[in-house]
Amino acid sequence: MNAQVKHARGEPAGATRSVRELPPVAAEVDAALLAIDAELDWLIALNPLGTDALWNEFEASGRQRVSALRYADPVLDLDAMRERLLALPVERIESPLLAGLLGEKQADLDRTIELVRLRGTGGFVDASIELFGGVEPELLVLARRLLHEVQPGEPLEADTGVDAVVSAVEEEVAWYQERAPDFALDVVVNADIGSLMMVSHGRLYLDAELRLPHARLQPLVQHEVGTHVVTHYNGARQPLRQLSVGLAQYDPLQEGLGVLAEFLSGYLPGERLRILAARVVAAQMAIDRQGIPEIFARLHDEHGFATDEAFDVAVRALRGGGLTKDAVYLRGLCDLLADLRDGNAFEPLFAGKFALRHRAAIAQLIDEGWATPPRLLPRYTAADGFADTLARCRTLDVAHLHHAHPTPLPLELSE
């Protein structure tokens, strides 16, 4: 199933500032990096195939053994891609600001190419740490504290399937199109994506067999569409189009914003926070070269996770041979909360995909005319009570950023 909505370009929402085109060499490098990024869909390249069959095999073995993860056959000429990447004339970019940002992205893509090249080999974990970081001791301590202190919350029936999710997404897209007629989103329903839902290059992938509690539907839509799709949309309309796919090291802020969106839109259960903590523990175990059975046992036997949750976290951690990206969810959330506690503005974070450390650079880009404030903000920011809830988030420790029970959304989404 593939749902697609396309409309003609409309006027941007809200006030705009004067913008100008990038200088010629910067524009050339920006466009080339964008093209390489689009070709190098690393999330899909590292998506394991046949996870249902893998679970059946694991269960049949008494949860002791599991086959090596399988992936789609590689179709990329990574050597040729790297040659194109490193030949880009970054040193001739006219602006030091643009040269710095685009040079960082060039290095980031070089590390990503190496990550995909090393898929399934012993060198993959080190490549992952180089790109996404490892697990800092203080992050691991926090993860263990959350697993000890945070209660999972009330068990909920997974009574909502993929058709209801598609309907909610279509309603969400319609809301944005009222404010920006050129807003568009491809929705792909696939039986083997290795995740309930994920966004890659502005496209939303949904597992054909997904089931989730109805109370989690809107929060997850706000995570995927309100964060990942909206920042892709805003970034694609910037003079510096790299903001659509992400400046270097953008993942922690993106995932931090996504998780915070779940809280701001009404229901982030304790179990969700525990999952983020479990991903940190699993990432460290992957770094330590432990396998799926060991990670599963730690999460299921010691920390009480359901079998499907423990297995999913373990498989995610072992993607490619040990993918440390899952540690960025909790790290990004903590960094974002610290940034908000410092009194920094929330709305500018949606101008595109970038790291928190790029705040000053984004402001300078806007001053120079090479970026604009975000054209769209997430739907939940227009809801009654949003400002009060955001103000509360500026005071919360991450261990308290969850809801004990599902209730009618405190932030009713405006019509």
Protein backbone atom coordinates (compact mmCIF):
# COMPACT_ATOMS: atom_id res chain seq x y z
CA MET A 1 0.00 0.00 0.00
CA ASN A 2 1.35 3.40 -0.89
CA ALA A 3 -0.62 6.55 -0.04
CA GLN A 4 0.65 9.74 -1.57
CA VAL A 5 -0.62 13.30 -1.43
CA LYS A 6 0.84 16.02 -3.66
CA HIS A 7 -0.22 19.63 -3.98
CA ALA A 8 1.10 22.71 -5.71
CA ARG A 9 3.45 24.90 -3.78
CA GLY A 10 1.73 27.50 -1.64
CA GLU A 11 2.72 30.49 0.41
CA PRO A 12 4.71 29.83 3.58
CA ALA A 13 2.89 29.92 6.87
CA GLY A 14 3.73 32.84 9.12
CA ALA A 15 6.11 35.73 8.63
CA THR A 16 9.18 35.31 6.44
CA ARG A 17 12.47 37.16 6.20
CA SER A 18 14.36 38.09 3.07
CA VAL A 19 16.38 35.18 1.75
CA ARG A 20 19.09 34.83 -0.84
CA GLU A 21 20.55 32.01 -2.86
CA LEU A 22 23.68 30.26 -1.72
CA PRO A 23 26.92 31.36 -3.43
CA PRO A 24 27.71 29.19 -6.51
CA VAL A 25 30.26 26.79 -5.03
CA ALA A 26 28.28 26.37 -1.81
CA ALA A 27 25.14 25.68 -3.87
CA GLU A 28 27.01 23.07 -5.91
CA VAL A 29 28.31 21.29 -2.81
CA ASP A 30 24.95 21.52 -1.04
CA ALA A 31 23.15 19.93 -4.01
CA ALA A 32 25.78 17.18 -4.37
CA LEU A 33 25.67 16.30 -0.67
CA LEU A 34 21.88 16.18 -0.86
CA ALA A 35 22.02 13.75 -3.78
CA ILE A 36 24.54 11.49 -2.04
CA ASP A 37 22.50 11.51 1.16
CA ALA A 38 19.40 10.46 -0.79
CA GLU A 39 21.29 7.56 -2.41
CA LEU A 40 22.80 6.45 0.88
CA ASP A 41 19.63 5.38 2.68
CA TRP A 42 21.53 3.74 5.51
CA LEU A 43 18.44 3.04 7.63
CA ILE A 44 17.04 0.81 4.90
CA ALA A 45 20.47 -0.75 4.26
CA LEU A 46 20.71 -1.76 7.93
CA ASN A 47 17.11 -2.92 8.27
CA PRO A 48 17.16 -6.66 9.13
CA LEU A 49 14.86 -8.93 7.14
CA GLY A 50 12.61 -11.68 8.43
CA THR A 51 12.48 -10.72 12.11
CA ASP A 52 9.29 -12.73 12.71
CA ALA A 53 11.01 -15.91 11.50
CA LEU A 54 14.03 -14.95 13.58
CA TRP A 55 11.87 -14.81 16.72
CA ASN A 56 10.34 -18.22 15.94
CA GLU A 57 13.80 -19.70 15.59
CA PHE A 58 14.96 -18.04 18.82
CA GLU A 59 11.92 -19.31 20.72
CA ALA A 60 12.35 -22.83 19.35
CA SER A 61 15.95 -22.90 20.60
CA GLY A 62 14.83 -22.19 24.14
CA ARG A 63 15.92 -18.58 23.60
CA GLN A 64 19.54 -19.62 23.40
CA ARG A 65 20.46 -19.20 19.72
CA VAL A 66 19.60 -16.99 16.79
CA SER A 67 20.87 -16.87 13.22
CA ALA A 68 22.87 -13.96 11.90
CA LEU A 69 20.71 -11.01 10.81
CA ARG A 70 19.97 -10.84 7.08
CA TYR A 71 19.75 -7.72 4.94
CA ALA A 72 18.78 -6.80 1.41
CA ASP A 73 21.55 -7.27 -1.12
CA PRO A 74 23.68 -4.13 -1.46
CA VAL A 75 23.01 -2.12 -4.60
CA LEU A 76 25.32 0.81 -3.94
CA ASP A 77 28.79 1.33 -5.35
CA LEU A 78 30.16 2.71 -2.09
CA ASP A 79 33.67 3.26 -3.44
CA ALA A 80 32.38 5.38 -6.32
CA MET A 81 30.10 7.26 -3.92
CA ARG A 82 33.00 8.03 -1.58
CA GLU A 83 35.12 9.20 -4.52
CA ARG A 84 32.37 11.63 -5.57
CA LEU A 85 31.95 12.79 -1.98
CA LEU A 86 35.60 13.52 -1.30
CA ALA A 87 36.04 15.28 -4.66
CA LEU A 88 33.57 18.02 -3.70
CA PRO A 89 35.25 21.47 -3.64
CA VAL A 90 34.45 22.23 0.00
CA GLU A 91 37.67 24.23 0.36
CA ARG A 92 36.44 26.68 -2.31
CA ILE A 93 33.12 27.50 -0.63
CA GLU A 94 32.80 31.26 -0.45
CA SER A 95 31.52 31.61 3.13
CA PRO A 96 33.44 30.27 6.15
CA LEU A 97 30.11 29.58 7.85
CA LEU A 98 28.78 27.51 4.95
CA ALA A 99 32.17 25.85 4.44
CA GLY A 100 32.21 24.72 8.06
CA LEU A 101 28.67 23.30 7.99
CA LEU A 102 29.01 21.59 4.61
CA GLY A 103 32.47 20.28 5.47
CA GLU A 104 31.06 18.71 8.64
CA LYS A 105 28.33 17.07 6.57
CA GLN A 106 30.86 15.76 4.06
CA ALA A 107 32.78 14.09 6.91
CA ASP A 108 29.52 12.76 8.38
CA LEU A 109 28.56 11.13 5.07
CA ASP A 110 32.04 9.67 4.73
CA ARG A 111 31.57 7.97 8.11
CA THR A 112 28.10 6.79 7.04
CA ILE A 113 29.47 5.21 3.87
CA GLU A 114 32.02 3.38 6.00
CA LEU A 115 29.26 2.23 8.35
CA VAL A 116 27.27 0.68 5.49
CA ARG A 117 30.43 -0.81 3.94
CA LEU A 118 31.26 -2.58 7.21
CA ARG A 119 27.76 -4.01 7.69
CA GLY A 120 28.02 -7.51 9.14
CA THR A 121 31.75 -7.30 9.84
CA GLY A 122 33.79 -7.02 13.03
CA GLY A 123 34.60 -3.38 12.32
CA PHE A 124 30.98 -2.23 12.29
CA VAL A 125 30.72 -1.37 16.00
CA ASP A 126 33.74 0.94 15.86
CA ALA A 127 32.31 2.64 12.76
CA SER A 128 29.00 3.11 14.58
CA ILE A 129 30.74 4.69 17.59
CA GLU A 130 32.61 6.99 15.22
CA LEU A 131 29.33 8.17 13.68
CA PHE A 132 26.82 8.09 16.55
CA GLY A 133 29.01 7.94 19.64
CA GLY A 134 29.17 5.17 22.18
CA VAL A 135 27.55 5.06 25.61
CA GLU A 136 28.96 7.57 28.07
CA PRO A 137 29.28 6.24 31.64
CA GLU A 138 26.85 8.83 32.97
CA LEU A 139 24.27 7.90 30.31
CA LEU A 140 24.52 4.24 31.27
CA VAL A 141 24.12 5.16 34.97
CA LEU A 142 21.01 7.18 34.10
CA ALA A 143 19.59 4.33 32.00
CA ARG A 144 20.00 1.89 34.87
CA ARG A 145 18.40 4.37 37.27
CA LEU A 146 15.38 4.75 35.00
CA LEU A 147 15.00 0.99 34.69
CA HIS A 148 15.05 0.76 38.50
CA GLU A 149 12.89 3.78 39.36
CA VAL A 150 10.34 4.26 36.57
CA GLN A 151 7.21 2.15 36.70
CA PRO A 152 5.94 0.77 33.39
CA GLY A 153 2.45 2.13 33.88
CA GLU A 154 -0.94 0.62 33.25
CA PRO A 155 -0.94 -2.26 30.72
CA LEU A 156 -2.96 -1.34 27.65
CA GLU A 157 -4.51 -3.51 24.99
CA ALA A 158 -2.92 -3.14 21.55
CA ASP A 159 -6.29 -2.49 19.93
CA THR A 160 -5.27 -0.22 17.05
CA GLY A 161 -3.96 -1.49 13.72
CA VAL A 162 -2.29 -0.05 10.66
CA ASP A 163 -5.49 1.17 8.97
CA ALA A 164 -6.26 3.43 11.94
CA VAL A 165 -2.69 4.73 11.87
CA VAL A 166 -2.96 5.53 8.15
CA SER A 167 -6.24 7.39 8.79
CA ALA A 168 -4.68 9.42 11.61
CA VAL A 169 -1.70 10.28 9.40
CA GLU A 170 -3.99 11.36 6.55
CA GLU A 171 -5.87 13.62 8.97
CA GLU A 172 -2.55 15.02 10.16
CA VAL A 173 -1.41 15.73 6.60
CA ALA A 174 -4.70 17.50 5.87
CA TRP A 175 -4.20 19.75 8.90
CA TYR A 176 -0.76 20.79 7.68
CA GLN A 177 -1.99 21.31 4.11
CA GLU A 178 -4.52 23.85 5.36
CA ARG A 179 -1.52 25.91 6.49
CA ALA A 180 0.94 24.98 3.72
CA PRO A 181 -0.72 23.54 0.59
CA ASP A 182 2.57 22.08 -0.66
CA PHE A 183 2.96 19.84 2.39
CA ALA A 184 3.10 16.21 1.14
CA LEU A 185 3.86 12.85 2.65
CA ASP A 186 4.38 9.38 1.19
CA VAL A 187 3.12 6.59 3.45
CA VAL A 188 4.47 3.12 2.75
CA VAL A 189 2.95 0.10 4.50
CA ASN A 190 5.44 -2.76 4.49
CA ALA A 191 5.43 -6.14 6.21
CA ASP A 192 9.15 -6.19 7.00
CA ILE A 193 10.60 -2.86 8.10
CA GLY A 194 11.97 -3.96 11.47
CA SER A 195 10.13 -1.17 13.31
CA LEU A 196 6.50 -0.24 13.97
CA MET A 197 6.97 3.04 12.16
CA MET A 198 9.87 5.14 10.99
CA VAL A 199 10.61 8.12 8.77
CA SER A 200 13.41 8.03 6.23
CA HIS A 201 14.05 10.93 3.82
CA GLY A 202 10.63 12.40 4.53
CA ARG A 203 8.75 9.15 3.80
CA LEU A 204 6.76 7.40 6.56
CA TYR A 205 7.11 3.61 6.74
CA LEU A 206 4.54 1.60 8.71
CA ASP A 207 4.73 -2.08 9.63
CA ALA A 208 1.77 -3.83 7.98
CA GLU A 209 1.21 -5.89 11.14
CA LEU A 210 1.60 -3.11 13.68
CA ARG A 211 -0.69 -3.07 16.71
CA LEU A 212 -0.59 -0.42 19.41
CA PRO A 213 -2.82 0.95 22.17
CA HIS A 214 -5.13 3.68 20.94
CA ALA A 215 -3.79 6.04 23.63
CA ARG A 216 -0.38 5.85 21.94
CA LEU A 217 -1.63 6.63 18.43
CA GLN A 218 -1.54 10.43 18.50
CA PRO A 219 1.73 10.68 20.48
CA LEU A 220 3.50 8.46 17.94
CA VAL A 221 2.01 10.40 15.03
CA GLN A 222 3.28 13.59 16.64
CA HIS A 223 6.72 11.99 17.04
CA GLU A 224 7.03 10.81 13.44
CA VAL A 225 5.09 13.45 11.52
CA GLY A 226 5.26 16.41 13.91
CA THR A 227 9.03 16.07 14.33
CA HIS A 228 10.70 14.13 11.54
CA VAL A 229 8.39 15.03 8.66
CA VAL A 230 7.83 18.66 9.67
CA THR A 231 11.56 19.34 10.06
CA HIS A 232 12.18 17.66 6.69
CA TYR A 233 9.52 19.89 5.12
CA ASN A 234 10.91 23.06 6.69
CA GLY A 235 14.49 22.15 5.81
CA ALA A 236 13.64 21.37 2.17
CA ARG A 237 12.44 24.94 1.76
CA GLN A 238 15.58 26.56 3.11
CA PRO A 239 18.24 28.11 0.87
CA LEU A 240 20.65 25.70 2.60
CA ARG A 241 18.78 22.54 1.65
CA GLN A 242 21.09 20.36 3.73
CA LEU A 243 18.70 21.23 6.56
CA SER A 244 16.12 18.87 5.03
CA VAL A 245 18.25 15.74 5.53
CA GLY A 246 20.27 16.95 8.48
CA LEU A 247 23.48 18.72 9.33
CA ALA A 248 26.20 16.61 10.93
CA GLN A 249 25.23 14.81 14.15
CA TYR A 250 21.58 15.87 13.95
CA ASP A 251 20.10 12.61 15.29
CA PRO A 252 20.11 13.29 19.07
CA LEU A 253 18.08 16.48 18.73
CA GLN A 254 15.66 14.89 16.27
CA GLU A 255 14.98 11.94 18.53
CA GLY A 256 14.87 14.12 21.64
CA LEU A 257 12.25 16.31 19.98
CA GLY A 258 10.33 13.24 18.87
CA VAL A 259 10.13 11.76 22.36
CA LEU A 260 9.28 15.13 23.89
CA ALA A 261 6.47 15.42 21.33
CA GLU A 262 4.93 12.29 22.80
CA PHE A 263 4.84 13.93 26.23
CA LEU A 264 3.62 17.29 24.90
CA SER A 265 0.80 15.66 22.96
CA GLY A 266 -0.59 13.84 25.92
CA TYR A 267 0.76 10.38 26.67
CA LEU A 268 4.32 9.26 27.25
CA PRO A 269 4.01 6.14 29.47
CA GLY A 270 6.71 5.04 31.85
CA GLU A 271 7.23 1.97 29.68
CA ARG A 272 8.32 4.19 26.81
CA LEU A 273 10.96 5.85 28.99
CA ARG A 274 12.09 2.40 30.11
CA ILE A 275 12.44 1.32 26.48
CA LEU A 276 14.76 4.28 25.82
CA ALA A 277 16.82 3.25 28.84
CA ALA A 278 16.85 -0.36 27.67
CA ARG A 279 18.19 0.76 24.29
CA VAL A 280 21.14 2.40 26.06
CA VAL A 281 21.87 -0.79 28.01
CA ALA A 282 21.54 -2.83 24.81
CA ALA A 283 23.87 -0.46 22.93
CA GLN A 284 26.53 -0.90 25.60
CA MET A 285 26.12 -4.68 25.45
CA ALA A 286 26.51 -4.55 21.67
CA ILE A 287 29.71 -2.52 22.13
CA ASP A 288 30.86 -5.26 24.50
CA ARG A 289 30.21 -7.79 21.69
CA GLN A 290 27.34 -9.53 23.44
CA GLY A 291 24.64 -11.07 21.26
CA ILE A 292 20.88 -11.10 20.96
CA PRO A 293 20.35 -13.93 23.50
CA GLU A 294 22.40 -12.09 26.16
CA ILE A 295 20.68 -8.76 25.56
CA PHE A 296 17.25 -10.41 25.53
CA ALA A 297 17.96 -12.18 28.84
CA ARG A 298 19.15 -8.97 30.49
CA LEU A 299 16.03 -7.06 29.47
CA HIS A 300 13.46 -9.82 29.91
CA ASP A 301 14.78 -11.70 32.92
CA GLU A 302 16.39 -8.87 34.91
CA HIS A 303 14.32 -5.83 33.92
CA GLY A 304 10.93 -7.41 33.28
CA PHE A 305 10.35 -6.42 29.66
CA ALA A 306 7.82 -8.40 27.67
CA THR A 307 9.32 -10.89 25.26
CA ASP A 308 8.44 -8.90 22.13
CA GLU A 309 9.89 -5.68 23.56
CA ALA A 310 13.10 -7.34 24.77
CA PHE A 311 13.63 -9.09 21.44
CA ASP A 312 12.93 -5.94 19.42
CA VAL A 313 15.44 -3.88 21.44
CA ALA A 314 18.05 -6.64 21.14
CA VAL A 315 17.64 -6.94 17.37
CA ARG A 316 17.78 -3.16 16.95
CA ALA A 317 21.01 -3.03 18.95
CA LEU A 318 22.64 -5.72 16.81
CA ARG A 319 21.70 -4.20 13.44
CA GLY A 320 24.67 -4.26 11.13
CA GLY A 321 26.77 -5.88 13.82
CA GLY A 322 26.19 -3.43 16.68
CA LEU A 323 24.42 -0.12 15.97
CA THR A 324 24.85 2.44 18.76
CA LYS A 325 22.35 4.89 17.32
CA ASP A 326 19.64 3.77 19.75
CA ALA A 327 21.56 5.42 22.59
CA VAL A 328 20.84 8.84 21.05
CA TYR A 329 17.15 8.76 22.03
CA LEU A 330 17.80 9.07 25.76
CA ARG A 331 20.91 11.20 25.26
CA GLY A 332 19.03 13.55 22.94
CA LEU A 333 16.08 13.84 25.30
CA CYS A 334 18.35 14.69 28.24
CA ASP A 335 20.29 17.26 26.22
CA LEU A 336 17.06 18.84 24.98
CA LEU A 337 15.61 19.11 28.49
CA ALA A 338 18.86 20.72 29.70
CA ASP A 339 18.68 23.18 26.80
CA LEU A 340 15.09 24.07 27.67
CA ARG A 341 15.97 24.45 31.36
CA ASP A 342 18.50 27.06 30.25
CA GLY A 343 15.59 29.09 28.87
CA ASN A 344 16.33 28.60 25.17
CA ALA A 345 13.56 28.96 22.60
CA PHE A 346 11.70 25.86 21.44
CA GLU A 347 10.20 26.86 18.10
CA PRO A 348 13.49 27.57 16.21
CA LEU A 349 14.44 23.91 16.64
CA PHE A 350 11.99 23.05 13.83
CA ALA A 351 13.72 25.10 11.11
CA GLY A 352 15.30 21.88 9.81
CA LYS A 353 17.39 18.97 11.03
CA PHE A 354 20.49 19.99 12.98
CA ALA A 355 22.26 19.48 16.29
CA LEU A 356 21.70 21.55 19.41
CA ARG A 357 25.26 22.85 19.04
CA HIS A 358 24.16 24.41 15.72
CA ARG A 359 21.77 26.87 17.41
CA ALA A 360 24.16 29.80 16.92
CA ALA A 361 24.98 28.73 13.37
CA ILE A 362 21.27 28.58 12.46
CA ALA A 363 20.76 32.08 13.87
CA GLN A 364 23.73 33.29 11.82
CA LEU A 365 22.36 31.59 8.68
CA ILE A 366 19.08 33.42 9.20
CA ASP A 367 20.94 36.72 9.64
CA GLU A 368 22.87 36.02 6.43
CA GLY A 369 19.69 35.15 4.52
CA TRP A 370 20.60 31.48 3.96
CA ALA A 371 17.93 30.12 6.29
CA THR A 372 14.55 31.22 7.60
CA PRO A 373 12.53 30.49 10.74
CA PRO A 374 10.38 27.35 10.41
CA ARG A 375 7.45 27.63 8.03
CA LEU A 376 5.46 25.04 9.98
CA LEU A 377 5.39 24.06 13.63
CA PRO A 378 4.05 20.74 14.97
CA ARG A 379 0.31 20.48 15.32
CA TYR A 380 0.49 20.05 19.09
CA THR A 381 2.02 23.54 19.47
CA ALA A 382 -1.35 25.00 18.39
CA ALA A 383 -3.26 23.13 21.08
CA ASP A 384 -4.78 24.67 24.17
CA GLY A 385 -2.47 24.32 27.14
CA PHE A 386 0.68 23.75 25.10
CA ALA A 387 2.57 26.72 26.57
CA ASP A 388 1.90 25.58 30.13
CA THR A 389 2.98 22.01 29.39
CA LEU A 390 6.16 23.18 27.67
CA ALA A 391 6.91 25.41 30.67
CA ARG A 392 6.52 22.38 32.92
CA CYS A 393 8.99 20.42 30.77
CA ARG A 394 11.58 23.13 31.42
CA THR A 395 11.59 22.09 35.09
CA LEU A 396 11.33 18.30 34.88
CA ASP A 397 14.03 15.73 35.45
CA VAL A 398 13.94 13.09 32.73
CA ALA A 399 12.87 10.45 35.28
CA HIS A 400 9.60 12.37 35.75
CA LEU A 401 8.88 12.93 32.06
CA HIS A 402 6.13 10.34 31.75
CA HIS A 403 2.46 9.77 32.53
CA ALA A 404 1.24 7.11 34.92
CA HIS A 405 -2.09 6.48 33.19
CA PRO A 406 -3.69 7.26 29.84
CA THR A 407 -6.24 10.02 30.11
CA PRO A 408 -8.03 12.17 27.54
CA LEU A 409 -5.32 14.28 25.94
CA PRO A 410 -4.59 17.33 28.09
CA LEU A 411 -3.61 19.06 24.88
CA GLU A 412 -6.66 18.76 22.66
CA LEU A 413 -5.49 19.11 19.09
CA SER A 414 -7.16 22.15 17.58
CA GLU A 415 -9.36 21.74 14.56
